Amino acid sequence: MKCNYIEYHRLTDQMFSGVAQTDTHLNQYTEILRQYLINGGAANTMLKLGIGIQVTTKRFMLLPKEVVMRRFIWLKGSRKGELLDRNEIEAIGMFLPGGALYGKEDNYIWD
């Protein structure tokens, strides 16, 4: 399986459309997108764009860690550590095969 714009767009539509965007729902779809991007060979594209996924956990006294939140974040630049908004998450697909910016991630500057 190789990542492509059309499939990524379908997944982001499922993430943001028709369902109440609870933390559980967003965590689940962030993980689905993460697996899709990594298994599809887009990990280097994500690194070049300076985008990662932050996983926040809580530890309780007698229980194992619980994942509280998974979100896309900026790893570099003026917005380092900030969450990506919906449009930015959807725009990642433009850098995948079939997207208008495929192969241009080295020269792209997000503002």
PDB file of N, CA and C in Angstrom:
ATOM      1  N   MET A   1       0.840  -1.179   0.000  1.00  0.00           N
ATOM      2  CA  MET A   1       0.000   0.000   0.000  1.00  0.00           C
ATOM      3  C   MET A   1       0.885   1.243   0.000  1.00  0.00           C
ATOM      4  N   LYS A   2       0.583   2.176  -0.847  1.00  0.00           N
ATOM      5  CA  LYS A   2       1.288   3.448  -0.887  1.00  0.00           C
ATOM      6  C   LYS A   2       0.266   4.560  -0.688  1.00  0.00           C
ATOM      7  N   CYS A   3       0.635   5.565   0.094  1.00  0.00           N
ATOM      8  CA  CYS A   3      -0.266   6.688   0.342  1.00  0.00           C
ATOM      9  C   CYS A   3      -0.612   7.393  -0.953  1.00  0.00           C
ATOM     10  N   ASN A   4      -1.822   7.936  -1.013  1.00  0.00           N
ATOM     11  CA  ASN A   4      -2.183   8.799  -2.127  1.00  0.00           C
ATOM     12  C   ASN A   4      -3.188   9.839  -1.646  1.00  0.00           C
ATOM     13  N   TYR A   5      -3.302  10.895  -2.423  1.00  0.00           N
ATOM     14  CA  TYR A   5      -4.145  12.030  -2.062  1.00  0.00           C
ATOM     15  C   TYR A   5      -5.603  11.629  -1.876  1.00  0.00           C
ATOM     16  N   ILE A   6      -6.145  10.835  -2.779  1.00  0.00           N
ATOM     17  CA  ILE A   6      -7.573  10.511  -2.755  1.00  0.00           C
ATOM     18  C   ILE A   6      -7.940   9.722  -1.498  1.00  0.00           C
ATOM     19  N   GLU A   7      -7.172   8.715  -1.163  1.00  0.00           N
ATOM     20  CA  GLU A   7      -7.464   7.908   0.031  1.00  0.00           C
ATOM     21  C   GLU A   7      -7.279   8.729   1.302  1.00  0.00           C
ATOM     22  N   TYR A   8      -6.232   9.563   1.359  1.00  0.00           N
ATOM     23  CA  TYR A   8      -6.011  10.413   2.525  1.00  0.00           C
ATOM     24  C   TYR A   8      -7.182  11.380   2.690  1.00  0.00           C
ATOM     25  N   HIS A   9      -7.648  11.961   1.593  1.00  0.00           N
ATOM     26  CA  HIS A   9      -8.783  12.885   1.640  1.00  0.00           C
ATOM     27  C   HIS A   9     -10.036  12.173   2.160  1.00  0.00           C
ATOM     28  N   ARG A  10     -10.246  10.931   1.740  1.00  0.00           N
ATOM     29  CA  ARG A  10     -11.394  10.155   2.213  1.00  0.00           C
ATOM     30  C   ARG A  10     -11.302   9.942   3.730  1.00  0.00           C
ATOM     31  N   LEU A  11     -10.111   9.634   4.219  1.00  0.00           N
ATOM     32  CA  LEU A  11      -9.923   9.421   5.656  1.00  0.00           C
ATOM     33  C   LEU A  11     -10.127  10.705   6.459  1.00  0.00           C
ATOM     34  N   THR A  12      -9.638  11.838   5.952  1.00  0.00           N
ATOM     35  CA  THR A  12      -9.842  13.098   6.685  1.00  0.00           C
ATOM     36  C   THR A  12     -11.306  13.510   6.652  1.00  0.00           C
ATOM     37  N   ASP A  13     -12.019  13.200   5.567  1.00  0.00           N
ATOM     38  CA  ASP A  13     -13.463  13.455   5.539  1.00  0.00           C
ATOM     39  C   ASP A  13     -14.162  12.677   6.645  1.00  0.00           C
ATOM     40  N   GLN A  14     -13.779  11.422   6.829  1.00  0.00           N
ATOM     41  CA  GLN A  14     -14.369  10.607   7.892  1.00  0.00           C
ATOM     42  C   GLN A  14     -14.010  11.163   9.266  1.00  0.00           C
ATOM     43  N   MET A  15     -12.829  11.721   9.383  1.00  0.00           N
ATOM     44  CA  MET A  15     -12.382  12.257  10.668  1.00  0.00           C
ATOM     45  C   MET A  15     -13.209  13.477  11.077  1.00  0.00           C
ATOM     46  N   PHE A  16     -13.515  14.337  10.112  1.00  0.00           N
ATOM     47  CA  PHE A  16     -14.126  15.622  10.449  1.00  0.00           C
ATOM     48  C   PHE A  16     -15.597  15.766  10.081  1.00  0.00           C
ATOM     49  N   SER A  17     -16.213  14.778   9.450  1.00  0.00           N
ATOM     50  CA  SER A  17     -17.591  14.947   8.979  1.00  0.00           C
ATOM     51  C   SER A  17     -18.546  13.974   9.650  1.00  0.00           C
ATOM     52  N   GLY A  18     -19.733  14.490  10.009  1.00  0.00           N
ATOM     53  CA  GLY A  18     -20.843  13.644  10.386  1.00  0.00           C
ATOM     54  C   GLY A  18     -20.836  13.043  11.775  1.00  0.00           C
ATOM     55  N   VAL A  19     -19.750  13.155  12.513  1.00  0.00           N
ATOM     56  CA  VAL A  19     -19.671  12.550  13.840  1.00  0.00           C
ATOM     57  C   VAL A  19     -19.254  13.635  14.829  1.00  0.00           C
ATOM     58  N   ALA A  20     -19.828  13.562  16.027  1.00  0.00           N
ATOM     59  CA  ALA A  20     -19.381  14.490  17.066  1.00  0.00           C
ATOM     60  C   ALA A  20     -17.884  14.284  17.280  1.00  0.00           C
ATOM     61  N   GLN A  21     -17.133  15.351  17.262  1.00  0.00           N
ATOM     62  CA  GLN A  21     -15.675  15.251  17.334  1.00  0.00           C
ATOM     63  C   GLN A  21     -15.212  15.183  18.789  1.00  0.00           C
ATOM     64  N   THR A  22     -15.493  14.048  19.399  1.00  0.00           N
ATOM     65  CA  THR A  22     -15.052  13.817  20.769  1.00  0.00           C
ATOM     66  C   THR A  22     -13.561  13.506  20.772  1.00  0.00           C
ATOM     67  N   ASP A  23     -12.956  13.574  21.943  1.00  0.00           N
ATOM     68  CA  ASP A  23     -11.539  13.209  22.051  1.00  0.00           C
ATOM     69  C   ASP A  23     -11.310  11.782  21.583  1.00  0.00           C
ATOM     70  N   THR A  24     -12.220  10.880  21.937  1.00  0.00           N
ATOM     71  CA  THR A  24     -12.074   9.479  21.533  1.00  0.00           C
ATOM     72  C   THR A  24     -12.082   9.346  20.017  1.00  0.00           C
ATOM     73  N   HIS A  25     -13.014  10.021  19.364  1.00  0.00           N
ATOM     74  CA  HIS A  25     -13.115   9.971  17.899  1.00  0.00           C
ATOM     75  C   HIS A  25     -11.857  10.553  17.248  1.00  0.00           C
ATOM     76  N   LEU A  26     -11.417  11.725  17.706  1.00  0.00           N
ATOM     77  CA  LEU A  26     -10.228  12.355  17.128  1.00  0.00           C
ATOM     78  C   LEU A  26      -8.975  11.521  17.391  1.00  0.00           C
ATOM     79  N   ASN A  27      -8.873  10.922  18.570  1.00  0.00           N
ATOM     80  CA  ASN A  27      -7.737  10.039  18.860  1.00  0.00           C
ATOM     81  C   ASN A  27      -7.712   8.857  17.906  1.00  0.00           C
ATOM     82  N   GLN A  28      -8.875   8.246  17.709  1.00  0.00           N
ATOM     83  CA  GLN A  28      -8.971   7.076  16.831  1.00  0.00           C
ATOM     84  C   GLN A  28      -8.561   7.432  15.404  1.00  0.00           C
ATOM     85  N   TYR A  29      -9.073   8.535  14.871  1.00  0.00           N
ATOM     86  CA  TYR A  29      -8.752   8.891  13.492  1.00  0.00           C
ATOM     87  C   TYR A  29      -7.343   9.432  13.333  1.00  0.00           C
ATOM     88  N   THR A  30      -6.803  10.088  14.354  1.00  0.00           N
ATOM     89  CA  THR A  30      -5.402  10.500  14.285  1.00  0.00           C
ATOM     90  C   THR A  30      -4.514   9.268  14.181  1.00  0.00           C
ATOM     91  N   GLU A  31      -4.842   8.230  14.935  1.00  0.00           N
ATOM     92  CA  GLU A  31      -4.066   6.985  14.866  1.00  0.00           C
ATOM     93  C   GLU A  31      -4.246   6.304  13.508  1.00  0.00           C
ATOM     94  N   ILE A  32      -5.452   6.308  12.960  1.00  0.00           N
ATOM     95  CA  ILE A  32      -5.693   5.735  11.628  1.00  0.00           C
ATOM     96  C   ILE A  32      -4.851   6.471  10.587  1.00  0.00           C
ATOM     97  N   LEU A  33      -4.852   7.807  10.635  1.00  0.00           N
ATOM     98  CA  LEU A  33      -4.059   8.599   9.686  1.00  0.00           C
ATOM     99  C   LEU A  33      -2.565   8.361   9.888  1.00  0.00           C
ATOM    100  N   ARG A  34      -2.139   8.259  11.134  1.00  0.00           N
ATOM    101  CA  ARG A  34      -0.718   8.002  11.419  1.00  0.00           C
ATOM    102  C   ARG A  34      -0.287   6.672  10.801  1.00  0.00           C
ATOM    103  N   GLN A  35      -1.073   5.635  11.032  1.00  0.00           N
ATOM    104  CA  GLN A  35      -0.754   4.324  10.463  1.00  0.00           C
ATOM    105  C   GLN A  35      -0.757   4.375   8.942  1.00  0.00           C
ATOM    106  N   TYR A  36      -1.732   5.071   8.365  1.00  0.00           N
ATOM    107  CA  TYR A  36      -1.820   5.185   6.910  1.00  0.00           C
ATOM    108  C   TYR A  36      -0.578   5.874   6.346  1.00  0.00           C
ATOM    109  N   LEU A  37      -0.166   6.971   6.967  1.00  0.00           N
ATOM    110  CA  LEU A  37       0.993   7.723   6.479  1.00  0.00           C
ATOM    111  C   LEU A  37       2.291   6.936   6.653  1.00  0.00           C
ATOM    112  N   ILE A  38       2.471   6.317   7.804  1.00  0.00           N
ATOM    113  CA  ILE A  38       3.713   5.576   8.050  1.00  0.00           C
ATOM    114  C   ILE A  38       3.786   4.333   7.175  1.00  0.00           C
ATOM    115  N   ASN A  39       2.733   3.540   7.162  1.00  0.00           N
ATOM    116  CA  ASN A  39       2.737   2.305   6.371  1.00  0.00           C
ATOM    117  C   ASN A  39       2.732   2.578   4.872  1.00  0.00           C
ATOM    118  N   GLY A  40       2.269   3.753   4.491  1.00  0.00           N
ATOM    119  CA  GLY A  40       2.220   4.112   3.078  1.00  0.00           C
ATOM    120  C   GLY A  40       3.460   4.819   2.572  1.00  0.00           C
ATOM    121  N   GLY A  41       4.474   4.966   3.423  1.00  0.00           N
ATOM    122  CA  GLY A  41       5.735   5.543   2.984  1.00  0.00           C
ATOM    123  C   GLY A  41       5.821   7.053   3.037  1.00  0.00           C
ATOM    124  N   ALA A  42       4.951   7.698   3.801  1.00  0.00           N
ATOM    125  CA  ALA A  42       4.958   9.159   3.851  1.00  0.00           C
ATOM    126  C   ALA A  42       5.627   9.720   5.109  1.00  0.00           C
ATOM    127  N   ALA A  43       6.318   8.887   5.870  1.00  0.00           N
ATOM    128  CA  ALA A  43       6.960   9.365   7.100  1.00  0.00           C
ATOM    129  C   ALA A  43       7.993  10.453   6.805  1.00  0.00           C
ATOM    130  N   ASN A  44       8.789  10.289   5.751  1.00  0.00           N
ATOM    131  CA  ASN A  44       9.784  11.309   5.397  1.00  0.00           C
ATOM    132  C   ASN A  44       9.122  12.614   4.986  1.00  0.00           C
ATOM    133  N   THR A  45       8.002  12.526   4.296  1.00  0.00           N
ATOM    134  CA  THR A  45       7.259  13.727   3.912  1.00  0.00           C
ATOM    135  C   THR A  45       6.819  14.482   5.157  1.00  0.00           C
ATOM    136  N   MET A  46       6.315  13.761   6.148  1.00  0.00           N
ATOM    137  CA  MET A  46       5.886  14.393   7.398  1.00  0.00           C
ATOM    138  C   MET A  46       7.065  15.088   8.084  1.00  0.00           C
ATOM    139  N   LEU A  47       8.211  14.420   8.124  1.00  0.00           N
ATOM    140  CA  LEU A  47       9.388  15.026   8.752  1.00  0.00           C
ATOM    141  C   LEU A  47       9.837  16.275   8.006  1.00  0.00           C
ATOM    142  N   LYS A  48       9.841  16.220   6.675  1.00  0.00           N
ATOM    143  CA  LYS A  48      10.243  17.386   5.884  1.00  0.00           C
ATOM    144  C   LYS A  48       9.299  18.558   6.099  1.00  0.00           C
ATOM    145  N   LEU A  49       8.020  18.269   6.290  1.00  0.00           N
ATOM    146  CA  LEU A  49       7.041  19.323   6.539  1.00  0.00           C
ATOM    147  C   LEU A  49       7.092  19.817   7.984  1.00  0.00           C
ATOM    148  N   GLY A  50       7.790  19.085   8.843  1.00  0.00           N
ATOM    149  CA  GLY A  50       7.888  19.479  10.249  1.00  0.00           C
ATOM    150  C   GLY A  50       6.637  19.161  11.036  1.00  0.00           C
ATOM    151  N   ILE A  51       5.978  18.052  10.690  1.00  0.00           N
ATOM    152  CA  ILE A  51       4.728  17.667  11.341  1.00  0.00           C
ATOM    153  C   ILE A  51       4.926  16.329  12.043  1.00  0.00           C
ATOM    154  N   GLY A  52       4.417  16.240  13.266  1.00  0.00           N
ATOM    155  CA  GLY A  52       4.470  14.997  14.019  1.00  0.00           C
ATOM    156  C   GLY A  52       3.161  14.770  14.737  1.00  0.00           C
ATOM    157  N   ILE A  53       3.136  13.752  15.566  1.00  0.00           N
ATOM    158  CA  ILE A  53       1.941  13.461  16.352  1.00  0.00           C
ATOM    159  C   ILE A  53       2.340  13.423  17.819  1.00  0.00           C
ATOM    160  N   GLN A  54       1.629  14.203  18.607  1.00  0.00           N
ATOM    161  CA  GLN A  54       1.870  14.264  20.041  1.00  0.00           C
ATOM    162  C   GLN A  54       0.913  13.287  20.726  1.00  0.00           C
ATOM    163  N   VAL A  55       1.459  12.452  21.579  1.00  0.00           N
ATOM    164  CA  VAL A  55       0.640  11.522  22.355  1.00  0.00           C
ATOM    165  C   VAL A  55       0.756  11.930  23.817  1.00  0.00           C
ATOM    166  N   THR A  56      -0.370  12.283  24.421  1.00  0.00           N
ATOM    167  CA  THR A  56      -0.410  12.674  25.823  1.00  0.00           C
ATOM    168  C   THR A  56      -1.010  11.520  26.616  1.00  0.00           C
ATOM    169  N   THR A  57      -0.352  11.147  27.702  1.00  0.00           N
ATOM    170  CA  THR A  57      -0.842  10.034  28.521  1.00  0.00           C
ATOM    171  C   THR A  57      -1.003  10.478  29.970  1.00  0.00           C
ATOM    172  N   LYS A  58      -1.796   9.707  30.705  1.00  0.00           N
ATOM    173  CA  LYS A  58      -1.939   9.893  32.147  1.00  0.00           C
ATOM    174  C   LYS A  58      -1.553   8.585  32.809  1.00  0.00           C
ATOM    175  N   ARG A  59      -0.982   8.678  33.958  1.00  0.00           N
ATOM    176  CA  ARG A  59      -0.647   7.474  34.722  1.00  0.00           C
ATOM    177  C   ARG A  59      -1.416   7.537  36.045  1.00  0.00           C
ATOM    178  N   PHE A  60      -2.119   6.467  36.316  1.00  0.00           N
ATOM    179  CA  PHE A  60      -2.852   6.357  37.570  1.00  0.00           C
ATOM    180  C   PHE A  60      -2.057   5.467  38.519  1.00  0.00           C
ATOM    181  N   MET A  61      -2.349   5.535  39.785  1.00  0.00           N
ATOM    182  CA  MET A  61      -1.560   4.829  40.805  1.00  0.00           C
ATOM    183  C   MET A  61      -1.380   3.339  40.500  1.00  0.00           C
ATOM    184  N   LEU A  62      -2.429   2.612  40.276  1.00  0.00           N
ATOM    185  CA  LEU A  62      -2.326   1.163  40.130  1.00  0.00           C
ATOM    186  C   LEU A  62      -2.596   0.673  38.715  1.00  0.00           C
ATOM    187  N   LEU A  63      -2.917   1.575  37.831  1.00  0.00           N
ATOM    188  CA  LEU A  63      -3.280   1.190  36.468  1.00  0.00           C
ATOM    189  C   LEU A  63      -2.165   1.559  35.491  1.00  0.00           C
ATOM    190  N   PRO A  64      -2.117   0.896  34.348  1.00  0.00           N
ATOM    191  CA  PRO A  64      -1.130   1.288  33.328  1.00  0.00           C
ATOM    192  C   PRO A  64      -1.482   2.655  32.735  1.00  0.00           C
ATOM    193  N   LYS A  65      -0.570   3.178  31.939  1.00  0.00           N
ATOM    194  CA  LYS A  65      -0.806   4.472  31.290  1.00  0.00           C
ATOM    195  C   LYS A  65      -2.051   4.418  30.422  1.00  0.00           C
ATOM    196  N   GLU A  66      -2.741   5.525  30.364  1.00  0.00           N
ATOM    197  CA  GLU A  66      -3.910   5.644  29.504  1.00  0.00           C
ATOM    198  C   GLU A  66      -3.651   6.774  28.512  1.00  0.00           C
ATOM    199  N   VAL A  67      -3.869   6.512  27.224  1.00  0.00           N
ATOM    200  CA  VAL A  67      -3.710   7.556  26.222  1.00  0.00           C
ATOM    201  C   VAL A  67      -4.880   8.519  26.359  1.00  0.00           C
ATOM    202  N   VAL A  68      -4.568   9.779  26.564  1.00  0.00           N
ATOM    203  CA  VAL A  68      -5.588  10.793  26.739  1.00  0.00           C
ATOM    204  C   VAL A  68      -5.842  11.531  25.432  1.00  0.00           C
ATOM    205  N   MET A  69      -4.764  11.793  24.684  1.00  0.00           N
ATOM    206  CA  MET A  69      -4.926  12.609  23.486  1.00  0.00           C
ATOM    207  C   MET A  69      -3.843  12.289  22.461  1.00  0.00           C
ATOM    208  N   ARG A  70      -4.251  12.183  21.188  1.00  0.00           N
ATOM    209  CA  ARG A  70      -3.330  12.074  20.049  1.00  0.00           C
ATOM    210  C   ARG A  70      -3.696  13.204  19.102  1.00  0.00           C
ATOM    211  N   ARG A  71      -2.719  14.043  18.770  1.00  0.00           N
ATOM    212  CA  ARG A  71      -2.993  15.156  17.866  1.00  0.00           C
ATOM    213  C   ARG A  71      -1.778  15.435  16.986  1.00  0.00           C
ATOM    214  N   PHE A  72      -2.035  15.980  15.788  1.00  0.00           N
ATOM    215  CA  PHE A  72      -0.968  16.437  14.902  1.00  0.00           C
ATOM    216  C   PHE A  72      -0.420  17.746  15.453  1.00  0.00           C
ATOM    217  N   ILE A  73       0.920  17.856  15.505  1.00  0.00           N
ATOM    218  CA  ILE A  73       1.553  19.089  15.982  1.00  0.00           C
ATOM    219  C   ILE A  73       2.689  19.482  15.044  1.00  0.00           C
ATOM    220  N   TRP A  74       3.091  20.756  15.153  1.00  0.00           N
ATOM    221  CA  TRP A  74       4.261  21.260  14.429  1.00  0.00           C
ATOM    222  C   TRP A  74       5.507  20.900  15.216  1.00  0.00           C
ATOM    223  N   LEU A  75       6.516  20.381  14.525  1.00  0.00           N
ATOM    224  CA  LEU A  75       7.777  20.006  15.172  1.00  0.00           C
ATOM    225  C   LEU A  75       8.846  21.075  15.034  1.00  0.00           C
ATOM    226  N   LYS A  76       8.640  22.029  14.131  1.00  0.00           N
ATOM    227  CA  LYS A  76       9.642  23.078  13.929  1.00  0.00           C
ATOM    228  C   LYS A  76       8.950  24.334  13.424  1.00  0.00           C
ATOM    229  N   GLY A  77       9.710  25.397  13.333  1.00  0.00           N
ATOM    230  CA  GLY A  77       9.170  26.658  12.840  1.00  0.00           C
ATOM    231  C   GLY A  77       8.582  27.506  13.952  1.00  0.00           C
ATOM    232  N   SER A  78       7.962  28.602  13.563  1.00  0.00           N
ATOM    233  CA  SER A  78       7.433  29.555  14.538  1.00  0.00           C
ATOM    234  C   SER A  78       6.265  28.993  15.344  1.00  0.00           C
ATOM    235  N   ARG A  79       5.623  27.954  14.840  1.00  0.00           N
ATOM    236  CA  ARG A  79       4.485  27.356  15.550  1.00  0.00           C
ATOM    237  C   ARG A  79       4.843  26.032  16.224  1.00  0.00           C
ATOM    238  N   LYS A  80       6.114  25.813  16.455  1.00  0.00           N
ATOM    239  CA  LYS A  80       6.584  24.562  17.066  1.00  0.00           C
ATOM    240  C   LYS A  80       5.784  24.257  18.336  1.00  0.00           C
ATOM    241  N   GLY A  81       5.278  23.021  18.413  1.00  0.00           N
ATOM    242  CA  GLY A  81       4.514  22.583  19.577  1.00  0.00           C
ATOM    243  C   GLY A  81       3.031  22.870  19.507  1.00  0.00           C
ATOM    244  N   GLU A  82       2.601  23.675  18.539  1.00  0.00           N
ATOM    245  CA  GLU A  82       1.179  23.992  18.408  1.00  0.00           C
ATOM    246  C   GLU A  82       0.466  22.910  17.607  1.00  0.00           C
ATOM    247  N   LEU A  83      -0.829  22.777  17.869  1.00  0.00           N
ATOM    248  CA  LEU A  83      -1.647  21.816  17.139  1.00  0.00           C
ATOM    249  C   LEU A  83      -1.946  22.320  15.737  1.00  0.00           C
ATOM    250  N   LEU A  84      -2.046  21.394  14.790  1.00  0.00           N
ATOM    251  CA  LEU A  84      -2.490  21.743  13.444  1.00  0.00           C
ATOM    252  C   LEU A  84      -4.004  21.894  13.470  1.00  0.00           C
ATOM    253  N   ASP A  85      -4.533  22.806  12.667  1.00  0.00           N
ATOM    254  CA  ASP A  85      -5.985  22.919  12.576  1.00  0.00           C
ATOM    255  C   ASP A  85      -6.499  21.975  11.486  1.00  0.00           C
ATOM    256  N   ARG A  86      -7.806  21.920  11.349  1.00  0.00           N
ATOM    257  CA  ARG A  86      -8.429  20.989  10.401  1.00  0.00           C
ATOM    258  C   ARG A  86      -7.907  21.175   8.981  1.00  0.00           C
ATOM    259  N   ASN A  87      -7.830  22.420   8.518  1.00  0.00           N
ATOM    260  CA  ASN A  87      -7.376  22.685   7.146  1.00  0.00           C
ATOM    261  C   ASN A  87      -5.936  22.236   6.927  1.00  0.00           C
ATOM    262  N   GLU A  88      -5.098  22.403   7.935  1.00  0.00           N
ATOM    263  CA  GLU A  88      -3.699  21.980   7.814  1.00  0.00           C
ATOM    264  C   GLU A  88      -3.579  20.453   7.769  1.00  0.00           C
ATOM    265  N   ILE A  89      -4.396  19.773   8.566  1.00  0.00           N
ATOM    266  CA  ILE A  89      -4.384  18.305   8.536  1.00  0.00           C
ATOM    267  C   ILE A  89      -4.836  17.813   7.167  1.00  0.00           C
ATOM    268  N   GLU A  90      -5.884  18.420   6.630  1.00  0.00           N
ATOM    269  CA  GLU A  90      -6.365  18.037   5.300  1.00  0.00           C
ATOM    270  C   GLU A  90      -5.324  18.342   4.226  1.00  0.00           C
ATOM    271  N   ALA A  91      -4.586  19.449   4.379  1.00  0.00           N
ATOM    272  CA  ALA A  91      -3.602  19.870   3.372  1.00  0.00           C
ATOM    273  C   ALA A  91      -2.395  18.942   3.287  1.00  0.00           C
ATOM    274  N   ILE A  92      -2.139  18.137   4.306  1.00  0.00           N
ATOM    275  CA  ILE A  92      -1.032  17.172   4.240  1.00  0.00           C
ATOM    276  C   ILE A  92      -1.186  16.302   3.003  1.00  0.00           C
ATOM    277  N   GLY A  93      -2.417  15.972   2.659  1.00  0.00           N
ATOM    278  CA  GLY A  93      -2.693  15.132   1.498  1.00  0.00           C
ATOM    279  C   GLY A  93      -2.186  15.705   0.191  1.00  0.00           C
ATOM    280  N   MET A  94      -2.053  17.014   0.104  1.00  0.00           N
ATOM    281  CA  MET A  94      -1.573  17.645  -1.130  1.00  0.00           C
ATOM    282  C   MET A  94      -0.130  17.241  -1.446  1.00  0.00           C
ATOM    283  N   PHE A  95       0.610  16.781  -0.445  1.00  0.00           N
ATOM    284  CA  PHE A  95       2.005  16.383  -0.634  1.00  0.00           C
ATOM    285  C   PHE A  95       2.160  14.893  -0.933  1.00  0.00           C
ATOM    286  N   LEU A  96       1.052  14.175  -0.996  1.00  0.00           N
ATOM    287  CA  LEU A  96       1.071  12.742  -1.303  1.00  0.00           C
ATOM    288  C   LEU A  96       0.901  12.536  -2.801  1.00  0.00           C
ATOM    289  N   PRO A  97       1.256  11.358  -3.321  1.00  0.00           N
ATOM    290  CA  PRO A  97       1.052  11.101  -4.757  1.00  0.00           C
ATOM    291  C   PRO A  97      -0.387  11.397  -5.171  1.00  0.00           C
ATOM    292  N   GLY A  98      -0.526  12.134  -6.259  1.00  0.00           N
ATOM    293  CA  GLY A  98      -1.837  12.556  -6.736  1.00  0.00           C
ATOM    294  C   GLY A  98      -2.230  13.940  -6.265  1.00  0.00           C
ATOM    295  N   GLY A  99      -1.506  14.484  -5.295  1.00  0.00           N
ATOM    296  CA  GLY A  99      -1.781  15.824  -4.793  1.00  0.00           C
ATOM    297  C   GLY A  99      -1.013  16.868  -5.588  1.00  0.00           C
ATOM    298  N   ALA A 100      -1.512  18.095  -5.572  1.00  0.00           N
ATOM    299  CA  ALA A 100      -0.929  19.167  -6.379  1.00  0.00           C
ATOM    300  C   ALA A 100       0.500  19.528  -5.969  1.00  0.00           C
ATOM    301  N   LEU A 101       0.882  19.255  -4.732  1.00  0.00           N
ATOM    302  CA  LEU A 101       2.215  19.629  -4.247  1.00  0.00           C
ATOM    303  C   LEU A 101       3.124  18.424  -4.050  1.00  0.00           C
ATOM    304  N   TYR A 102       2.784  17.301  -4.658  1.00  0.00           N
ATOM    305  CA  TYR A 102       3.587  16.083  -4.514  1.00  0.00           C
ATOM    306  C   TYR A 102       5.026  16.338  -4.971  1.00  0.00           C
ATOM    307  N   GLY A 103       5.985  15.984  -4.115  1.00  0.00           N
ATOM    308  CA  GLY A 103       7.404  16.151  -4.422  1.00  0.00           C
ATOM    309  C   GLY A 103       7.946  17.535  -4.124  1.00  0.00           C
ATOM    310  N   LYS A 104       7.122  18.438  -3.595  1.00  0.00           N
ATOM    311  CA  LYS A 104       7.562  19.812  -3.341  1.00  0.00           C
ATOM    312  C   LYS A 104       7.676  20.130  -1.854  1.00  0.00           C
ATOM    313  N   GLU A 105       7.677  19.102  -1.012  1.00  0.00           N
ATOM    314  CA  GLU A 105       7.698  19.339   0.431  1.00  0.00           C
ATOM    315  C   GLU A 105       8.994  19.978   0.911  1.00  0.00           C
ATOM    316  N   ASP A 106      10.101  19.823   0.165  1.00  0.00           N
ATOM    317  CA  ASP A 106      11.370  20.431   0.574  1.00  0.00           C
ATOM    318  C   ASP A 106      11.332  21.951   0.482  1.00  0.00           C
ATOM    319  N   ASN A 107      10.553  22.488  -0.425  1.00  0.00           N
ATOM    320  CA  ASN A 107      10.550  23.929  -0.688  1.00  0.00           C
ATOM    321  C   ASN A 107       9.310  24.640  -0.173  1.00  0.00           C
ATOM    322  N   TYR A 108       8.418  23.923   0.468  1.00  0.00           N
ATOM    323  CA  TYR A 108       7.156  24.538   0.875  1.00  0.00           C
ATOM    324  C   TYR A 108       7.293  25.186   2.241  1.00  0.00           C
ATOM    325  N   ILE A 109       6.785  26.405   2.368  1.00  0.00           N
ATOM    326  CA  ILE A 109       6.818  27.139   3.635  1.00  0.00           C
ATOM    327  C   ILE A 109       5.381  27.364   4.081  1.00  0.00           C
ATOM    328  N   TRP A 110       5.041  26.837   5.247  1.00  0.00           N
ATOM    329  CA  TRP A 110       3.693  27.014   5.799  1.00  0.00           C
ATOM    330  C   TRP A 110       3.636  28.360   6.501  1.00  0.00           C
ATOM    331  N   ASP A 111       2.613  29.118   6.239  1.00  0.00           N
ATOM    332  CA  ASP A 111       2.405  30.403   6.942  1.00  0.00           C
ATOM    333  C   ASP A 111       1.108  30.396   7.680  1.00  0.00           C
TER     334      ASP A 111
END
